Amino acid sequence: MKNRNGDKYHRIINAATKVFAKRGFFHAKVSDIAKEAHVADGTIYLYFENKDDILISLFEEQMQVVLGNMMEEISKEKDAVKKIEKFALTHLKLIELNKNVAEIIQVELRQSSKFMKEYKNERFLQYLNLIDDIIKEGQEQGIFKKEIIPGIAKRAFFGALDEMSRFWVLSSHKKYDIETAAKQISGYFLYGLVKNAG
């Protein structure tokens, strides 16, 4: 197990965020990250196995922050409908708050075969399960339809937010703001979830 503490570790993670966002994961070199972090190339390998390991570690660090933030935001709401709306808005706002990280998660991460094939993405599953919990809560409150399968609904809802996020990262100009997109997406899903709607 590599050392995951200390100033140098965090400097390397921060440097990798900038380098991957600027050059792309495929074109970035470990030496580029070392230069950005102001450390020797060999120092990188005291903390990470390779470039894929840096990318996965970066993702884990960010997902921990995202998870904590999302849990705090949705805990402010009691009603499951409001929680779904808050989840959508909070998720999409992450793109505005940190464009480099958003680009890495939306584009670069998917170029790592290790991440896509071998990595057990536990923090992401925890994130998805927040949606699962909201849907179950809504069913218990008698707001959402009992026949909704939370395991399918959580992936469908996340998929819509994920595609919107990817679109934002890759688009040079936006046709609408994040608040509008969040309201529209949560609205589509809530219309299909709310009892006796329409």
Protein backbone atom coordinates (compact mmCIF):
# COMPACT_ATOMS: atom_id res chain seq x y z
CA MET A 1 0.00 0.00 0.00
CA LYS A 2 1.46 3.31 -1.10
CA ASN A 3 1.66 6.32 1.21
CA ARG A 4 -1.53 8.40 0.81
CA ASN A 5 -0.71 11.20 3.24
CA GLY A 6 1.35 14.33 3.40
CA ASP A 7 1.89 17.53 1.49
CA LYS A 8 3.60 15.91 -1.50
CA TYR A 9 0.75 13.47 -2.07
CA HIS A 10 -1.77 16.32 -2.22
CA ARG A 11 0.54 18.42 -4.39
CA ILE A 12 0.78 15.54 -6.87
CA ILE A 13 -3.02 15.07 -6.88
CA ASN A 14 -3.58 18.80 -7.47
CA ALA A 15 -0.92 18.87 -10.20
CA ALA A 16 -2.46 15.82 -11.89
CA THR A 17 -5.87 17.54 -11.89
CA LYS A 18 -4.41 20.45 -13.86
CA VAL A 19 -2.31 18.30 -16.21
CA PHE A 20 -5.07 15.80 -17.04
CA ALA A 21 -7.57 18.62 -17.67
CA LYS A 22 -5.11 20.52 -19.88
CA ARG A 23 -3.43 17.71 -21.86
CA GLY A 24 -5.87 14.84 -21.44
CA PHE A 25 -5.17 11.58 -19.63
CA PHE A 26 -3.87 9.79 -22.72
CA HIS A 27 -1.31 12.48 -23.63
CA ALA A 28 -0.25 13.41 -20.10
CA LYS A 29 3.06 12.03 -18.82
CA VAL A 30 4.10 11.29 -15.26
CA SER A 31 6.99 13.72 -15.82
CA ASP A 32 4.46 16.49 -16.65
CA ILE A 33 2.72 15.88 -13.33
CA ALA A 34 6.04 15.84 -11.44
CA LYS A 35 7.02 19.15 -13.03
CA GLU A 36 3.67 20.76 -12.15
CA ALA A 37 3.94 19.45 -8.57
CA HIS A 38 7.59 20.62 -8.27
CA VAL A 39 8.83 17.15 -7.33
CA ALA A 40 11.31 14.74 -8.92
CA ASP A 41 9.84 12.16 -11.32
CA GLY A 42 10.84 9.34 -8.97
CA THR A 43 8.92 10.92 -6.09
CA ILE A 44 5.65 10.18 -7.90
CA TYR A 45 6.32 6.44 -7.57
CA LEU A 46 6.64 6.68 -3.79
CA TYR A 47 2.91 7.52 -3.78
CA PHE A 48 1.48 5.97 -6.96
CA GLU A 49 2.02 2.81 -9.04
CA ASN A 50 1.46 4.55 -12.40
CA LYS A 51 -0.60 7.16 -14.23
CA ASP A 52 -3.83 5.15 -13.88
CA ASP A 53 -3.27 4.94 -10.13
CA ILE A 54 -2.93 8.74 -9.97
CA LEU A 55 -6.20 9.13 -11.89
CA ILE A 56 -8.08 6.68 -9.66
CA SER A 57 -6.70 8.30 -6.49
CA LEU A 58 -7.72 11.72 -7.79
CA PHE A 59 -11.22 10.38 -8.44
CA GLU A 60 -11.46 8.87 -4.94
CA GLU A 61 -10.36 12.13 -3.31
CA GLN A 62 -12.94 14.09 -5.27
CA MET A 63 -15.74 11.58 -4.73
CA GLN A 64 -15.20 11.78 -0.98
CA VAL A 65 -15.72 15.55 -1.14
CA VAL A 66 -18.71 15.21 -3.50
CA LEU A 67 -20.36 12.56 -1.32
CA GLY A 68 -19.97 14.65 1.82
CA ASN A 69 -21.33 17.73 0.11
CA MET A 70 -24.31 15.90 -1.40
CA MET A 71 -25.24 14.23 1.91
CA GLU A 72 -25.15 17.59 3.65
CA GLU A 73 -27.32 19.25 0.99
CA ILE A 74 -30.04 16.60 0.79
CA SER A 75 -30.19 16.26 4.59
CA LYS A 76 -31.55 19.83 4.67
CA GLU A 77 -34.73 18.60 2.97
CA LYS A 78 -37.42 16.39 4.56
CA ASP A 79 -39.58 15.78 1.51
CA ALA A 80 -38.39 13.19 -1.05
CA VAL A 81 -39.49 15.40 -3.98
CA LYS A 82 -37.37 18.28 -2.67
CA LYS A 83 -34.46 15.88 -2.14
CA ILE A 84 -34.58 14.76 -5.79
CA GLU A 85 -34.62 18.40 -6.92
CA LYS A 86 -31.75 19.26 -4.55
CA PHE A 87 -29.71 16.26 -5.76
CA ALA A 88 -30.04 17.37 -9.41
CA LEU A 89 -29.10 20.97 -8.66
CA THR A 90 -26.17 20.07 -6.39
CA HIS A 91 -24.81 17.55 -8.91
CA LEU A 92 -24.90 19.99 -11.82
CA LYS A 93 -23.47 22.84 -9.74
CA LEU A 94 -20.31 20.77 -9.19
CA ILE A 95 -19.40 21.49 -12.82
CA GLU A 96 -19.47 25.23 -12.25
CA LEU A 97 -17.49 24.97 -9.03
CA ASN A 98 -14.58 22.94 -10.41
CA LYS A 99 -14.34 22.73 -14.19
CA ASN A 100 -11.00 20.84 -14.20
CA VAL A 101 -12.32 18.07 -11.97
CA ALA A 102 -15.58 17.91 -13.94
CA GLU A 103 -13.65 17.43 -17.19
CA ILE A 104 -11.53 14.66 -15.67
CA ILE A 105 -14.55 12.79 -14.28
CA GLN A 106 -16.65 13.24 -17.42
CA VAL A 107 -14.02 12.65 -20.12
CA GLU A 108 -10.56 11.56 -18.99
CA LEU A 109 -11.58 8.90 -16.47
CA ARG A 110 -13.30 6.92 -19.19
CA GLN A 111 -10.04 6.65 -21.14
CA SER A 112 -8.40 4.60 -18.40
CA SER A 113 -8.88 0.89 -19.11
CA LYS A 114 -7.86 0.11 -15.52
CA PHE A 115 -10.60 2.36 -14.18
CA MET A 116 -13.26 1.04 -16.53
CA LYS A 117 -12.42 -2.69 -16.21
CA GLU A 118 -10.68 -3.35 -12.90
CA TYR A 119 -11.50 -0.62 -10.41
CA LYS A 120 -14.23 -1.38 -7.87
CA ASN A 121 -15.92 1.98 -7.72
CA GLU A 122 -17.31 1.92 -4.16
CA ARG A 123 -17.65 5.68 -3.63
CA PHE A 124 -19.58 6.02 -6.86
CA LEU A 125 -21.93 3.23 -5.72
CA GLN A 126 -22.44 5.10 -2.43
CA TYR A 127 -23.30 8.19 -4.47
CA LEU A 128 -25.84 6.26 -6.58
CA ASN A 129 -27.31 4.75 -3.43
CA LEU A 130 -28.16 8.23 -2.14
CA ILE A 131 -30.68 8.38 -5.01
CA ASP A 132 -31.83 4.85 -4.17
CA ASP A 133 -32.46 5.93 -0.55
CA ILE A 134 -34.44 9.00 -1.62
CA ILE A 135 -36.68 6.89 -3.88
CA LYS A 136 -37.33 4.34 -1.11
CA GLU A 137 -38.05 7.17 1.30
CA GLY A 138 -40.54 8.66 -1.18
CA GLN A 139 -42.23 5.28 -1.52
CA GLU A 140 -42.49 4.98 2.27
CA GLN A 141 -43.95 8.50 2.43
CA GLY A 142 -46.59 7.45 -0.12
CA ILE A 143 -45.32 10.05 -2.63
CA PHE A 144 -43.59 7.79 -5.18
CA LYS A 145 -45.19 4.82 -6.92
CA LYS A 146 -44.60 1.47 -5.23
CA GLU A 147 -43.87 -0.24 -8.56
CA ILE A 148 -40.80 1.95 -9.19
CA ILE A 149 -37.66 -0.19 -8.93
CA PRO A 150 -35.10 2.00 -7.09
CA GLY A 151 -32.12 0.17 -8.63
CA ILE A 152 -33.28 1.09 -12.15
CA ALA A 153 -34.54 4.55 -11.26
CA LYS A 154 -31.28 5.62 -9.58
CA ARG A 155 -29.23 4.74 -12.69
CA ALA A 156 -31.71 6.38 -15.06
CA PHE A 157 -31.76 9.59 -12.99
CA PHE A 158 -27.98 9.65 -12.62
CA GLY A 159 -27.60 8.87 -16.33
CA ALA A 160 -29.61 11.96 -17.27
CA LEU A 161 -27.53 14.17 -14.93
CA ASP A 162 -24.30 12.57 -16.16
CA GLU A 163 -25.13 13.21 -19.82
CA MET A 164 -26.06 16.82 -19.02
CA SER A 165 -22.74 17.20 -17.17
CA ARG A 166 -20.79 15.73 -20.11
CA PHE A 167 -22.58 18.08 -22.50
CA TRP A 168 -21.65 21.07 -20.33
CA VAL A 169 -18.00 20.05 -20.07
CA LEU A 170 -17.65 19.56 -23.85
CA SER A 171 -19.75 22.54 -25.02
CA SER A 172 -18.15 25.90 -25.68
CA HIS A 173 -21.44 27.76 -25.18
CA LYS A 174 -24.44 26.81 -23.07
CA LYS A 175 -28.03 27.34 -24.16
CA TYR A 176 -29.43 27.30 -20.62
CA ASP A 177 -28.29 27.67 -17.05
CA ILE A 178 -27.69 24.92 -14.51
CA GLU A 179 -30.76 25.80 -12.42
CA THR A 180 -33.02 25.39 -15.47
CA ALA A 181 -31.41 22.07 -16.46
CA ALA A 182 -31.67 20.72 -12.90
CA LYS A 183 -35.34 21.73 -12.65
CA GLN A 184 -36.15 20.18 -16.03
CA ILE A 185 -34.36 16.86 -15.35
CA SER A 186 -35.76 16.40 -11.85
CA GLY A 187 -39.18 17.39 -13.23
CA TYR A 188 -39.07 14.65 -15.90
CA PHE A 189 -38.33 12.01 -13.30
CA LEU A 190 -40.70 13.30 -10.65
CA TYR A 191 -43.60 13.37 -13.09
CA GLY A 192 -43.08 9.64 -13.55
CA LEU A 193 -42.64 9.00 -9.82
CA VAL A 194 -45.34 11.06 -8.15
CA LYS A 195 -48.57 9.20 -7.36
CA ASN A 196 -51.66 10.12 -9.42
CA ALA A 197 -49.63 12.66 -11.44
CA GLY A 198 -51.18 14.13 -14.53
